[in-house]
């Protein structure tokens, strides 16, 4: 748990040969779109407030299933 205050932040994952950021502008040419973030939904398809699925692509096959995280209690800045 952390509170960045008024600062913005991005998530990243250190992989064996590169680092993947949720902020595409920080990614290298080998992982331009290395992460995807989507609002989480429950079984009925209703968005779960302040909860997100974070998916990281390591294998470069485009499935975004190499690392999958559920990030909760996040309040996005408008």
N, C-alpha and C. Protein backbone atom coordinates (compact mmCIF):
# COMPACT_ATOMS: atom_id res chain seq x y z
N UNK A 1 0.84 -1.17 0.00
CA UNK A 1 0.00 0.00 0.00
C UNK A 1 0.89 1.23 0.00
N UNK A 2 0.50 2.22 -0.79
CA UNK A 2 1.21 3.49 -0.77
C UNK A 2 0.28 4.60 -1.23
N UNK A 3 0.63 5.79 -0.89
CA UNK A 3 -0.15 6.95 -1.29
C UNK A 3 0.79 7.89 -2.02
N UNK A 4 0.63 8.03 -3.35
CA UNK A 4 1.53 8.92 -4.08
C UNK A 4 1.20 10.40 -3.91
N UNK A 5 0.20 10.70 -3.09
CA UNK A 5 -0.20 12.10 -2.91
C UNK A 5 -0.77 12.63 -4.21
N UNK A 6 -0.31 13.79 -4.64
CA UNK A 6 -0.81 14.39 -5.88
C UNK A 6 0.01 13.97 -7.10
N UNK A 7 1.05 13.16 -6.90
CA UNK A 7 1.91 12.72 -8.00
C UNK A 7 1.24 11.60 -8.79
N UNK A 8 1.56 11.52 -10.08
CA UNK A 8 1.09 10.40 -10.90
C UNK A 8 2.09 9.27 -10.78
N UNK A 9 1.66 8.06 -11.14
CA UNK A 9 2.56 6.92 -11.08
C UNK A 9 2.16 5.90 -12.13
N UNK A 10 3.09 5.01 -12.44
CA UNK A 10 2.83 3.89 -13.34
C UNK A 10 3.41 2.64 -12.69
N UNK A 11 2.93 1.50 -13.12
CA UNK A 11 3.47 0.23 -12.64
C UNK A 11 4.50 -0.26 -13.64
N UNK A 12 5.44 -1.06 -13.16
CA UNK A 12 6.40 -1.68 -14.07
C UNK A 12 6.79 -3.05 -13.54
N UNK A 13 7.30 -3.88 -14.43
CA UNK A 13 7.75 -5.22 -14.09
C UNK A 13 9.13 -5.41 -14.69
N UNK A 14 10.10 -5.82 -13.85
CA UNK A 14 11.44 -6.13 -14.33
C UNK A 14 11.46 -7.55 -14.85
N UNK A 15 11.70 -7.70 -16.14
CA UNK A 15 11.80 -9.01 -16.78
C UNK A 15 13.28 -9.30 -17.03
N UNK A 16 13.63 -10.54 -17.38
CA UNK A 16 15.05 -10.88 -17.55
C UNK A 16 15.81 -9.99 -18.54
N UNK A 17 15.16 -9.55 -19.63
CA UNK A 17 15.90 -8.77 -20.62
C UNK A 17 15.37 -7.37 -20.86
N UNK A 18 14.30 -6.97 -20.17
CA UNK A 18 13.78 -5.61 -20.32
C UNK A 18 12.79 -5.31 -19.19
N UNK A 19 12.39 -4.06 -19.11
CA UNK A 19 11.41 -3.61 -18.12
C UNK A 19 10.15 -3.20 -18.87
N UNK A 20 8.99 -3.58 -18.37
CA UNK A 20 7.71 -3.25 -18.99
C UNK A 20 6.95 -2.29 -18.07
N UNK A 21 6.50 -1.16 -18.65
CA UNK A 21 5.74 -0.15 -17.92
C UNK A 21 4.29 -0.15 -18.38
N UNK A 22 3.39 0.22 -17.47
CA UNK A 22 2.00 0.43 -17.88
C UNK A 22 1.85 1.73 -18.66
N UNK A 23 2.81 2.62 -18.53
CA UNK A 23 2.86 3.87 -19.30
C UNK A 23 3.65 3.61 -20.57
N UNK A 24 2.95 3.47 -21.71
CA UNK A 24 3.60 3.11 -22.97
C UNK A 24 4.75 4.03 -23.36
N UNK A 25 4.69 5.29 -22.98
CA UNK A 25 5.75 6.22 -23.37
C UNK A 25 7.09 5.88 -22.74
N UNK A 26 7.10 5.03 -21.73
CA UNK A 26 8.35 4.65 -21.06
C UNK A 26 8.90 3.31 -21.56
N UNK A 27 8.16 2.62 -22.41
CA UNK A 27 8.59 1.32 -22.91
C UNK A 27 9.56 1.47 -24.06
N UNK A 28 10.40 0.45 -24.25
CA UNK A 28 11.35 0.43 -25.35
C UNK A 28 10.68 -0.15 -26.60
N UNK A 29 11.40 -0.15 -27.69
CA UNK A 29 10.86 -0.67 -28.96
C UNK A 29 10.53 -2.15 -28.88
N UNK A 30 11.16 -2.90 -27.97
CA UNK A 30 10.88 -4.33 -27.85
C UNK A 30 9.59 -4.61 -27.10
N UNK A 31 9.08 -3.61 -26.41
CA UNK A 31 7.85 -3.81 -25.63
C UNK A 31 7.01 -2.54 -25.64
N UNK A 32 6.73 -2.01 -26.83
CA UNK A 32 6.02 -0.74 -26.94
C UNK A 32 4.69 -0.80 -26.19
N UNK A 33 3.94 -1.86 -26.38
CA UNK A 33 2.66 -2.04 -25.68
C UNK A 33 2.78 -3.28 -24.80
N UNK A 34 3.70 -3.25 -23.87
CA UNK A 34 4.00 -4.42 -23.04
C UNK A 34 3.00 -4.69 -21.94
N UNK A 35 2.12 -3.74 -21.67
CA UNK A 35 1.16 -3.92 -20.58
C UNK A 35 -0.21 -3.41 -21.02
N UNK A 36 -1.22 -4.03 -20.47
CA UNK A 36 -2.59 -3.59 -20.69
C UNK A 36 -3.27 -3.49 -19.33
N UNK A 37 -4.10 -2.47 -19.15
CA UNK A 37 -4.83 -2.28 -17.90
C UNK A 37 -6.31 -2.08 -18.26
N UNK A 38 -7.16 -2.87 -17.63
CA UNK A 38 -8.60 -2.82 -17.89
C UNK A 38 -9.36 -2.75 -16.57
N UNK A 39 -10.50 -2.07 -16.55
CA UNK A 39 -11.34 -2.11 -15.36
C UNK A 39 -11.80 -3.56 -15.11
N UNK A 40 -11.73 -4.00 -13.86
CA UNK A 40 -12.18 -5.35 -13.51
C UNK A 40 -13.70 -5.39 -13.49
N UNK A 41 -14.25 -6.54 -13.88
CA UNK A 41 -15.70 -6.74 -13.87
C UNK A 41 -16.02 -8.00 -13.06
N UNK A 42 -17.20 -8.00 -12.47
CA UNK A 42 -17.63 -9.19 -11.73
C UNK A 42 -18.26 -10.20 -12.69
N UNK A 43 -18.81 -11.28 -12.17
CA UNK A 43 -19.38 -12.35 -13.01
C UNK A 43 -20.54 -11.89 -13.88
N UNK A 44 -21.21 -10.83 -13.46
CA UNK A 44 -22.34 -10.32 -14.23
C UNK A 44 -21.91 -9.23 -15.22
N UNK A 45 -20.61 -8.93 -15.26
CA UNK A 45 -20.11 -7.92 -16.18
C UNK A 45 -20.14 -6.51 -15.64
N UNK A 46 -20.47 -6.37 -14.36
CA UNK A 46 -20.53 -5.05 -13.74
C UNK A 46 -19.12 -4.64 -13.30
N UNK A 47 -18.73 -3.42 -13.62
CA UNK A 47 -17.39 -2.94 -13.24
C UNK A 47 -17.26 -2.90 -11.72
N UNK A 48 -16.16 -3.44 -11.21
CA UNK A 48 -15.85 -3.42 -9.78
C UNK A 48 -15.14 -2.08 -9.51
N UNK A 49 -15.70 -1.24 -8.65
CA UNK A 49 -15.11 0.08 -8.43
C UNK A 49 -13.65 0.02 -7.96
N UNK A 50 -12.84 0.88 -8.55
CA UNK A 50 -11.44 1.06 -8.13
C UNK A 50 -10.62 -0.23 -8.18
N UNK A 51 -10.95 -1.12 -9.13
CA UNK A 51 -10.26 -2.40 -9.27
C UNK A 51 -9.93 -2.62 -10.75
N UNK A 52 -8.70 -3.06 -11.02
CA UNK A 52 -8.21 -3.18 -12.40
C UNK A 52 -7.46 -4.48 -12.62
N UNK A 53 -7.55 -5.00 -13.84
CA UNK A 53 -6.72 -6.11 -14.27
C UNK A 53 -5.50 -5.52 -14.96
N UNK A 54 -4.33 -5.92 -14.53
CA UNK A 54 -3.07 -5.48 -15.13
C UNK A 54 -2.45 -6.72 -15.76
N UNK A 55 -2.23 -6.66 -17.08
CA UNK A 55 -1.69 -7.81 -17.80
C UNK A 55 -0.40 -7.40 -18.49
N UNK A 56 0.64 -8.23 -18.32
CA UNK A 56 1.97 -7.94 -18.86
C UNK A 56 2.31 -8.99 -19.91
N UNK A 57 2.84 -8.54 -21.03
CA UNK A 57 3.26 -9.42 -22.13
C UNK A 57 4.78 -9.57 -22.09
N UNK A 58 5.25 -10.80 -21.89
CA UNK A 58 6.68 -11.07 -21.91
C UNK A 58 7.08 -11.80 -23.19
N UNK A 59 6.25 -12.70 -23.66
CA UNK A 59 6.61 -13.60 -24.75
C UNK A 59 6.49 -12.99 -26.14
N UNK A 60 5.92 -11.80 -26.26
CA UNK A 60 5.74 -11.11 -27.55
C UNK A 60 4.83 -11.86 -28.51
N UNK A 61 3.90 -12.66 -27.98
CA UNK A 61 2.93 -13.33 -28.86
C UNK A 61 1.57 -12.65 -28.81
N UNK A 62 1.44 -11.58 -28.02
CA UNK A 62 0.23 -10.78 -28.01
C UNK A 62 -0.92 -11.30 -27.19
N UNK A 63 -0.70 -12.29 -26.33
CA UNK A 63 -1.83 -12.81 -25.54
C UNK A 63 -2.01 -12.11 -24.20
N UNK A 64 -1.01 -11.38 -23.74
CA UNK A 64 -1.06 -10.64 -22.47
C UNK A 64 -1.50 -11.52 -21.32
N UNK A 65 -1.03 -12.76 -21.30
CA UNK A 65 -1.36 -13.69 -20.21
C UNK A 65 -0.12 -14.14 -19.45
N UNK A 66 1.02 -13.54 -19.73
CA UNK A 66 2.25 -13.98 -19.07
C UNK A 66 2.24 -13.62 -17.59
N UNK A 67 1.78 -12.42 -17.27
CA UNK A 67 1.61 -11.98 -15.89
C UNK A 67 0.27 -11.27 -15.81
N UNK A 68 -0.58 -11.69 -14.87
CA UNK A 68 -1.90 -11.09 -14.70
C UNK A 68 -2.07 -10.77 -13.21
N UNK A 69 -2.39 -9.51 -12.94
CA UNK A 69 -2.55 -9.04 -11.56
C UNK A 69 -3.90 -8.38 -11.41
N UNK A 70 -4.48 -8.52 -10.22
CA UNK A 70 -5.70 -7.78 -9.87
C UNK A 70 -5.26 -6.68 -8.91
N UNK A 71 -5.46 -5.45 -9.31
CA UNK A 71 -5.06 -4.29 -8.52
C UNK A 71 -6.32 -3.65 -7.98
N UNK A 72 -6.45 -3.59 -6.65
CA UNK A 72 -7.68 -3.06 -6.07
C UNK A 72 -7.40 -1.88 -5.15
N UNK A 73 -8.47 -1.19 -4.79
CA UNK A 73 -8.41 -0.01 -3.93
C UNK A 73 -7.58 1.11 -4.55
N UNK A 74 -7.71 1.27 -5.87
CA UNK A 74 -7.00 2.32 -6.59
C UNK A 74 -8.03 3.35 -7.02
N UNK A 75 -7.79 4.58 -6.66
CA UNK A 75 -8.70 5.65 -7.06
C UNK A 75 -7.99 6.48 -8.12
N UNK A 76 -8.45 6.38 -9.39
CA UNK A 76 -7.77 7.13 -10.45
C UNK A 76 -8.00 8.63 -10.33
N UNK A 77 -7.01 9.36 -10.76
CA UNK A 77 -7.12 10.82 -10.78
C UNK A 77 -7.86 11.22 -12.04
N UNK A 78 -8.86 12.08 -11.93
CA UNK A 78 -9.61 12.48 -13.14
C UNK A 78 -8.76 13.29 -14.11
